[in-house]
Amino acid sequence: MRGHIAVSGGSIGGLFAALALAEAGWRVTVFEKVRSALSGRGAGIVTHESLLKALGSIGVSLQDIGVEVRFRRVFDKFGKIVSEREFPQLVTSWDMIYSLLHARLPRELYFTDTSVLNWENVAGKVNVHLSDGSVQQFDALIGADGYRSAVRSKFAERPAPAYSGYVVWRAVVEEALIEPNLRDAFFDDFSFFIPNRGQVIGYPIPGFHNETNKGSRRYNIVWYKPTSHDELVDLLTDESGKVHEISIPPPLVRREVVDCALMAAEVDLPWMFSEAFKCAASPFLAPIYDYVSPRFCCGNVCLLGDAAALIRPHVGMGVTKAAEDALCLSSCLRANRTIEEAFEAYDAARRPIALMINARSQRLGSFVQGEDPKGNLDGASHPFEDEIVRLTATADF
């Protein structure tokens, strides 16, 4: 079974799908709504064995792909190490993975400034309506267009993503901007701060140009902060007074919102996280939502990555899940007689896994909002510290 498949979305999930399908002999065309190359989205990525295997299967070199960390360390509010354990992992960046995938896909297969607006299943084909006004017919359509998926919006069942009750502030700092004593305190490890109602994680990632040598790397900070619905509305309101739905583009976040976050970091976080946060060029926020689509397919159309299931970042599996989705989809197309049968098999295989990952992420997320009756205000005695440190950004599904 061979044919021509359209992929809506040219980010990491869409690129994985296109490359896996091209490797299996399918013609692919990728439509990406953004005009220029994507960059800097999501900052740090923790790799897993299955992600590295997926990259290797589509011909991506794994040489110098990330930064090795050896230890996981928990710090209290005063910067003292509460606990540590050896936990070797390879950490990398969104930019690194995207650039490696994008470089492997022939340019003539990747159309920028073009998005999928609508589609219909018609007699074993899919008519795809594009933003340039054209309608093109393909054998199948893959929606890899993120949690705001236009492809998913045409599915019969499409409940809205549910707000979790907290946001994540992310910041990336160039290693060269960090004072030596600060760098020595925590830079080379996977570090945690686990107080009541909140959580901070930090680790090194490749540099702006994907350098992995010491001195040229960056530090990735992830700060989970409980936020009420009313507070969220304020965070999503830009300078013009417009309230953005679901999330706000980083350049539109009001300066006063960033300044308030910086002041809160100085008060609430250990000194090294606070100082690193202040060194970041442009901290940005993202509300945390839960969403698993009731169906991953409809006829000759299927969903992949965040379009299929938006998972909280605690498990560190967004990119890995998208890669596994893509490989599973390619395998199902190879093993079944028709595209519709293949997509049904893909749904049966991947949706239960998405639900398991989602359950793990919700469990870890519950600790961000939990209250310890004994206090734990300084982050030195979280009752679930072992579980948090052991399961954060691990993949054993």
Protein backbone atom coordinates (compact mmCIF):
# COMPACT_ATOMS: atom_id res chain seq x y z
CA MET A 1 0.00 0.00 0.00
CA ARG A 2 1.46 3.32 -1.13
CA GLY A 3 0.09 6.76 -1.89
CA HIS A 4 0.35 10.49 -1.17
CA ILE A 5 -0.18 11.72 2.40
CA ALA A 6 -0.56 15.32 3.55
CA VAL A 7 0.85 16.32 6.93
CA SER A 8 -0.65 19.37 8.64
CA GLY A 9 2.02 20.90 10.86
CA GLY A 10 5.75 21.15 10.24
CA SER A 11 6.98 21.05 13.81
CA ILE A 12 8.71 18.04 15.38
CA GLY A 13 5.69 15.71 15.25
CA GLY A 14 4.93 16.53 11.62
CA LEU A 15 8.56 16.10 10.62
CA PHE A 16 8.79 12.74 12.38
CA ALA A 17 5.64 11.58 10.57
CA ALA A 18 6.84 12.80 7.18
CA LEU A 19 10.27 11.21 7.52
CA ALA A 20 8.93 7.89 8.83
CA LEU A 21 6.39 7.69 6.00
CA ALA A 22 8.92 8.72 3.36
CA GLU A 23 11.27 6.03 4.69
CA ALA A 24 8.44 3.52 4.14
CA GLY A 25 7.91 4.62 0.53
CA TRP A 26 5.01 7.06 0.83
CA ARG A 27 4.87 10.42 -0.94
CA VAL A 28 4.49 13.15 1.67
CA THR A 29 3.71 16.86 1.61
CA VAL A 30 4.03 18.95 4.77
CA PHE A 31 2.07 22.17 5.30
CA GLU A 32 3.32 24.57 7.99
CA LYS A 33 1.42 27.79 8.71
CA VAL A 34 4.49 29.74 9.91
CA ARG A 35 6.45 31.43 7.13
CA SER A 36 9.97 31.06 8.55
CA ALA A 37 11.78 28.13 10.13
CA LEU A 38 10.54 27.30 13.61
CA SER A 39 12.89 27.73 16.57
CA GLY A 40 13.10 27.90 20.32
CA ARG A 41 9.78 26.29 21.10
CA GLY A 42 9.71 24.36 24.35
CA ALA A 43 13.41 24.91 25.13
CA GLY A 44 14.66 21.78 26.95
CA ILE A 45 13.92 18.16 26.07
CA VAL A 46 14.81 15.08 28.10
CA THR A 47 15.62 12.19 25.77
CA HIS A 48 14.54 8.60 26.30
CA GLU A 49 15.78 5.37 24.78
CA SER A 50 12.71 5.14 22.55
CA LEU A 51 13.28 8.68 21.22
CA LEU A 52 16.92 7.94 20.36
CA LYS A 53 15.83 4.70 18.68
CA ALA A 54 13.19 6.59 16.68
CA LEU A 55 15.72 9.18 15.54
CA GLY A 56 18.14 6.45 14.47
CA SER A 57 15.41 4.64 12.52
CA ILE A 58 14.94 7.64 10.22
CA GLY A 59 18.65 8.18 9.72
CA VAL A 60 19.37 10.97 12.22
CA SER A 61 22.90 10.94 13.64
CA LEU A 62 22.99 10.76 17.43
CA GLN A 63 26.50 12.17 17.71
CA ASP A 64 26.69 15.24 19.99
CA ILE A 65 22.91 15.34 20.22
CA GLY A 66 22.76 16.50 23.82
CA VAL A 67 24.34 17.05 27.20
CA GLU A 68 24.92 14.23 29.68
CA VAL A 69 23.74 14.74 33.25
CA ARG A 70 24.77 12.25 35.96
CA PHE A 71 22.88 13.25 39.08
CA ARG A 72 19.45 14.34 40.20
CA ARG A 73 19.65 16.71 43.14
CA VAL A 74 16.96 18.27 45.32
CA PHE A 75 17.65 21.70 46.84
CA ASP A 76 15.84 23.49 49.64
CA LYS A 77 14.89 27.16 49.70
CA PHE A 78 18.34 28.13 50.97
CA GLY A 79 20.24 26.32 48.21
CA LYS A 80 21.29 23.38 50.37
CA ILE A 81 21.27 19.90 48.82
CA VAL A 82 18.50 17.86 50.46
CA SER A 83 19.11 14.63 48.55
CA GLU A 84 20.89 13.31 45.49
CA ARG A 85 20.95 10.17 43.42
CA GLU A 86 22.88 9.00 40.39
CA PHE A 87 20.50 9.16 37.44
CA PRO A 88 22.34 9.39 34.09
CA GLN A 89 20.32 10.98 31.28
CA LEU A 90 20.90 12.74 27.98
CA VAL A 91 19.18 16.11 27.78
CA THR A 92 18.85 18.22 24.66
CA SER A 93 16.83 21.09 23.22
CA TRP A 94 13.81 21.59 20.99
CA ASP A 95 16.06 23.46 18.54
CA MET A 96 18.47 20.54 18.29
CA ILE A 97 15.80 17.93 17.49
CA TYR A 98 13.93 20.21 15.11
CA SER A 99 17.04 21.19 13.16
CA LEU A 100 18.15 17.56 12.75
CA LEU A 101 14.72 16.49 11.48
CA HIS A 102 14.20 19.53 9.26
CA ALA A 103 17.59 19.04 7.61
CA ARG A 104 16.62 15.50 6.55
CA LEU A 105 13.36 16.39 4.81
CA PRO A 106 13.77 17.59 1.20
CA ARG A 107 12.78 21.24 0.86
CA GLU A 108 10.35 20.55 -1.96
CA LEU A 109 8.18 18.52 0.43
CA TYR A 110 7.83 21.30 3.04
CA PHE A 111 5.48 24.22 2.32
CA THR A 112 5.61 27.20 4.70
CA ASP A 113 3.01 29.95 5.13
CA THR A 114 0.33 27.38 4.29
CA SER A 115 -2.12 25.79 6.70
CA VAL A 116 -4.90 23.22 6.52
CA LEU A 117 -8.26 24.91 7.16
CA ASN A 118 -10.71 22.11 6.43
CA TRP A 119 -11.01 18.59 5.03
CA GLU A 120 -13.52 15.97 3.89
CA ASN A 121 -13.29 12.22 3.48
CA VAL A 122 -14.48 11.49 -0.07
CA ALA A 123 -14.56 7.98 -1.55
CA GLY A 124 -11.35 6.72 0.03
CA LYS A 125 -9.53 10.04 -0.45
CA VAL A 126 -9.27 13.27 1.53
CA ASN A 127 -9.98 16.70 0.08
CA VAL A 128 -7.76 19.17 1.91
CA HIS A 129 -8.67 22.88 1.97
CA LEU A 130 -5.60 25.11 2.28
CA SER A 131 -5.10 28.69 3.39
CA ASP A 132 -4.02 29.72 -0.12
CA GLY A 133 -7.57 28.98 -1.31
CA SER A 134 -6.75 25.73 -3.09
CA VAL A 135 -8.29 22.30 -2.50
CA GLN A 136 -5.94 19.36 -2.99
CA GLN A 137 -6.76 15.67 -2.85
CA PHE A 138 -4.59 13.18 -0.94
CA ASP A 139 -4.86 9.54 0.03
CA ALA A 140 -4.69 10.54 3.71
CA LEU A 141 -4.23 13.51 6.03
CA ILE A 142 -2.24 13.55 9.29
CA GLY A 143 -3.04 16.25 11.82
CA ALA A 144 0.24 17.08 13.55
CA ASP A 145 -0.79 20.70 14.04
CA GLY A 146 -0.53 20.93 17.83
CA TYR A 147 -3.01 21.36 20.63
CA ARG A 148 -4.95 24.02 18.67
CA SER A 149 -5.32 21.49 15.84
CA ALA A 150 -7.50 22.68 12.95
CA VAL A 151 -7.60 19.08 11.73
CA ARG A 152 -9.01 17.86 15.07
CA SER A 153 -11.59 20.66 15.10
CA LYS A 154 -13.51 18.84 12.35
CA PHE A 155 -13.80 15.61 14.35
CA ALA A 156 -17.30 14.88 15.66
CA GLU A 157 -16.09 14.61 19.29
CA ARG A 158 -13.76 17.43 20.31
CA PRO A 159 -14.05 18.43 23.98
CA ALA A 160 -12.06 21.51 24.97
CA PRO A 161 -8.73 21.13 26.80
CA ALA A 162 -9.17 21.33 30.59
CA TYR A 163 -7.08 23.88 32.53
CA SER A 164 -5.03 22.17 35.25
CA GLY A 165 -4.91 25.07 37.73
CA TYR A 166 -1.27 26.07 37.19
CA VAL A 167 1.09 27.53 34.60
CA VAL A 168 4.70 26.89 33.72
CA TRP A 169 7.25 29.66 33.43
CA ARG A 170 10.17 28.68 31.20
CA ALA A 171 13.49 30.41 30.84
CA VAL A 172 16.71 29.61 29.03
CA VAL A 173 20.02 31.17 30.10
CA GLU A 174 23.31 31.19 28.23
CA GLU A 175 26.04 29.51 30.25
CA ALA A 176 28.44 32.38 29.60
CA LEU A 177 26.09 34.79 31.42
CA ILE A 178 26.07 32.76 34.64
CA GLU A 179 28.60 33.63 37.34
CA PRO A 180 31.13 30.82 38.02
CA ASN A 181 29.99 30.27 41.62
CA LEU A 182 26.39 30.00 40.47
CA ARG A 183 27.33 27.65 37.64
CA ASP A 184 29.31 25.42 40.00
CA ALA A 185 26.38 25.18 42.40
CA PHE A 186 23.94 23.47 40.09
CA PHE A 187 24.57 23.79 36.34
CA ASP A 188 25.71 20.26 35.47
CA ASP A 189 22.91 18.36 37.23
CA PHE A 190 19.19 17.73 36.89
CA SER A 191 18.03 19.89 39.80
CA PHE A 192 14.74 20.12 41.72
CA PHE A 193 13.13 22.47 44.20
CA ILE A 194 9.93 20.91 45.62
CA PRO A 195 8.12 23.24 48.02
CA ASN A 196 4.42 23.41 48.83
CA ARG A 197 2.35 24.60 45.86
CA GLY A 198 4.96 24.85 43.17
CA GLN A 199 7.98 23.13 41.69
CA VAL A 200 11.17 24.06 39.85
CA ILE A 201 13.31 21.87 37.61
CA GLY A 202 16.52 22.88 35.85
CA TYR A 203 19.13 21.21 33.66
CA PRO A 204 21.74 22.08 31.01
CA ILE A 205 20.90 21.89 27.30
CA PRO A 206 22.85 22.53 24.06
CA GLY A 207 23.72 26.12 23.17
CA PHE A 208 21.93 28.45 20.78
CA HIS A 209 23.78 26.94 17.84
CA ASN A 210 23.48 23.41 19.27
CA GLU A 211 26.92 23.43 20.93
CA THR A 212 27.37 20.84 23.67
CA ASN A 213 30.82 21.86 24.99
CA LYS A 214 31.18 23.48 28.41
CA GLY A 215 30.98 27.24 28.28
CA SER A 216 28.67 27.28 25.25
CA ARG A 217 25.64 25.48 26.66
CA ARG A 218 22.40 26.91 28.05
CA TYR A 219 20.44 26.25 31.22
CA ASN A 220 16.77 25.34 31.02
CA ILE A 221 14.49 26.39 33.91
CA VAL A 222 10.95 25.06 34.31
CA TRP A 223 8.88 26.68 37.09
CA TYR A 224 5.40 25.32 37.80
CA LYS A 225 3.26 27.93 39.57
CA PRO A 226 -0.34 27.45 40.81
CA THR A 227 -2.56 30.09 39.19
CA SER A 228 -6.27 30.66 39.65
CA HIS A 229 -8.59 31.08 36.67
CA ASP A 230 -8.92 34.83 37.32
CA GLU A 231 -5.14 35.16 37.54
CA LEU A 232 -4.81 33.19 34.31
CA VAL A 233 -7.12 35.60 32.48
CA ASP A 234 -4.84 38.45 33.56
CA LEU A 235 -1.72 36.59 32.40
CA LEU A 236 -3.33 36.00 28.99
CA THR A 237 -4.26 39.66 28.52
CA ASP A 238 -1.90 41.61 26.27
CA GLU A 239 -1.08 45.35 26.28
CA SER A 240 -4.07 46.14 24.04
CA GLY A 241 -6.46 44.50 26.50
CA LYS A 242 -7.10 41.48 24.31
CA VAL A 243 -7.54 38.22 26.26
CA HIS A 244 -5.95 35.34 24.35
CA GLU A 245 -7.65 31.98 24.31
CA ILE A 246 -5.74 29.05 25.85
CA SER A 247 -2.27 30.63 25.56
CA ILE A 248 -0.53 33.88 24.68
CA PRO A 249 2.40 34.30 22.23
CA PRO A 250 5.58 35.08 24.23
CA PRO A 251 6.18 38.51 22.59
CA LEU A 252 2.70 39.65 23.67
CA VAL A 253 3.09 38.91 27.40
CA ARG A 254 2.89 42.25 29.24
CA ARG A 255 6.15 43.52 30.74
CA GLU A 256 4.49 43.91 34.13
CA VAL A 257 3.57 40.21 34.10
CA VAL A 258 7.21 39.23 33.49
CA ASP A 259 8.38 41.68 36.17
CA CYS A 260 5.95 40.18 38.69
CA ALA A 261 7.29 36.69 37.89
CA LEU A 262 10.87 37.89 38.40
CA MET A 263 9.98 39.41 41.78
CA ALA A 264 8.18 36.22 42.82
CA ALA A 265 11.22 34.17 41.79
CA GLU A 266 13.46 36.30 44.01
CA VAL A 267 11.17 35.72 46.99
CA ASP A 268 10.09 32.12 46.46
CA LEU A 269 12.98 30.26 44.79
CA PRO A 270 16.45 29.14 45.91
CA TRP A 271 19.06 31.77 45.14
CA MET A 272 20.61 29.94 42.19
CA PHE A 273 17.28 29.44 40.38
CA SER A 274 16.31 33.04 41.10
CA GLU A 275 19.62 34.41 39.80
CA ALA A 276 19.51 32.23 36.70
CA PHE A 277 15.91 33.26 36.04
CA LYS A 278 16.97 36.93 36.16
CA CYS A 279 19.70 36.25 33.57
CA ALA A 280 17.20 34.88 31.04
CA ALA A 281 16.60 37.07 28.01
CA SER A 282 12.87 36.41 27.73
CA PRO A 283 11.06 34.17 30.24
CA PHE A 284 7.74 32.96 28.84
CA LEU A 285 4.68 31.29 30.30
CA ALA A 286 2.33 28.53 29.23
CA PRO A 287 -0.86 27.43 30.97
CA ILE A 288 -1.00 23.67 31.58
CA TYR A 289 -3.92 21.78 30.09
CA ASP A 290 -5.12 18.18 29.84
CA TYR A 291 -6.51 16.77 26.62
CA VAL A 292 -6.73 13.30 25.09
CA SER A 293 -8.87 13.13 21.96
CA PRO A 294 -11.75 10.61 22.20
CA ARG A 295 -10.67 9.41 18.75
CA PHE A 296 -7.30 9.54 17.02
CA CYS A 297 -8.76 8.89 13.56
CA CYS A 298 -11.73 9.61 11.31
CA GLY A 299 -11.77 7.78 7.98
CA ASN A 300 -8.53 8.59 6.18
CA VAL A 301 -7.59 11.33 8.65
CA CYS A 302 -5.63 10.80 11.86
CA LEU A 303 -4.09 12.82 14.67
CA LEU A 304 -0.53 12.67 16.02
CA GLY A 305 1.49 14.27 18.82
CA ASP A 306 -0.12 17.15 20.72
CA ALA A 307 -3.04 17.23 18.29
CA ALA A 308 -4.01 13.77 19.54
CA ALA A 309 -3.09 14.15 23.21
CA LEU A 310 -1.82 17.18 25.07
CA ILE A 311 0.14 15.79 28.02
CA ARG A 312 1.44 17.81 30.98
CA PRO A 313 5.22 18.25 30.67
CA HIS A 314 6.13 16.50 33.96
CA VAL A 315 6.72 13.18 32.19
CA GLY A 316 8.97 14.84 29.61
CA MET A 317 7.47 12.76 26.82
CA GLY A 318 5.95 15.23 24.37
CA VAL A 319 8.59 14.74 21.68
CA THR A 320 9.06 11.04 22.46
CA LYS A 321 5.31 10.41 22.21
CA ALA A 322 5.14 12.20 18.86
CA ALA A 323 8.07 10.10 17.58
CA GLU A 324 6.45 6.85 18.76
CA ASP A 325 3.13 7.95 17.22
CA ALA A 326 4.85 8.48 13.87
CA LEU A 327 6.63 5.11 13.89
CA CYS A 328 3.46 3.29 14.98
CA LEU A 329 1.48 4.98 12.21
CA SER A 330 4.01 3.94 9.59
CA SER A 331 4.00 0.36 10.92
CA CYS A 332 0.18 0.19 10.85
CA LEU A 333 0.09 1.42 7.26
CA ARG A 334 2.54 -1.30 6.33
CA ALA A 335 0.57 -4.05 8.11
CA ASN A 336 -2.98 -3.28 6.94
CA ARG A 337 -4.80 -3.49 3.60
CA THR A 338 -6.42 -0.04 3.65
CA ILE A 339 -5.54 3.35 5.11
CA GLU A 340 -8.75 3.41 7.16
CA GLU A 341 -7.96 0.02 8.69
CA ALA A 342 -4.40 1.16 9.40
CA PHE A 343 -5.62 4.30 11.15
CA GLU A 344 -8.06 2.28 13.27
CA ALA A 345 -5.17 0.00 14.28
CA TYR A 346 -3.08 3.07 15.11
CA ASP A 347 -5.89 4.44 17.29
CA ALA A 348 -6.20 1.12 19.12
CA ALA A 349 -2.44 1.00 19.74
CA ARG A 350 -1.63 4.59 20.68
CA ARG A 351 -4.66 5.98 22.48
CA PRO A 352 -4.36 3.63 25.51
CA ILE A 353 -0.69 4.61 25.83
CA ALA A 354 -1.59 8.29 25.70
CA LEU A 355 -4.11 7.72 28.49
CA MET A 356 -1.46 6.00 30.63
CA ILE A 357 1.05 8.81 30.07
CA ASN A 358 -1.67 11.34 30.83
CA ALA A 359 -2.52 9.61 34.12
CA ARG A 360 1.17 9.68 35.15
CA SER A 361 1.46 13.35 34.25
CA GLN A 362 -1.66 14.23 36.25
CA ARG A 363 -0.30 12.36 39.25
CA LEU A 364 2.98 14.29 39.10
CA GLY A 365 1.08 17.52 38.47
CA SER A 366 -1.00 17.00 41.60
CA PHE A 367 2.13 17.60 43.69
CA VAL A 368 2.45 21.12 42.24
CA GLN A 369 -0.83 22.09 43.90
CA GLY A 370 -0.70 19.86 46.97
CA GLU A 371 -0.53 21.18 50.51
CA ASP A 372 1.72 19.43 53.02
CA PRO A 373 0.04 19.58 56.45
CA LYS A 374 3.51 19.61 58.05
CA GLY A 375 4.54 22.68 56.10
CA ASN A 376 7.50 21.91 53.80
CA LEU A 377 7.68 25.62 53.02
CA ASP A 378 11.44 25.43 52.48
CA GLY A 379 11.20 22.40 50.15
CA ALA A 380 13.34 20.23 52.43
CA SER A 381 10.75 17.63 53.41
CA HIS A 382 8.23 16.96 50.64
CA PRO A 383 6.42 13.72 51.55
CA PHE A 384 6.44 12.56 47.91
CA GLU A 385 9.97 13.65 47.06
CA ASP A 386 11.12 10.14 46.09
CA GLU A 387 8.23 9.62 43.68
CA ILE A 388 8.66 13.06 42.10
CA VAL A 389 12.41 12.68 41.57
CA ARG A 390 12.14 9.07 40.39
CA LEU A 391 9.29 9.52 37.88
CA THR A 392 9.76 13.05 36.50
CA ALA A 393 10.90 12.93 32.87
CA THR A 394 11.18 9.14 32.74
CA ALA A 395 9.60 6.80 30.20
CA ASP A 396 8.76 3.28 31.33
CA PHE A 397 5.50 2.79 29.44
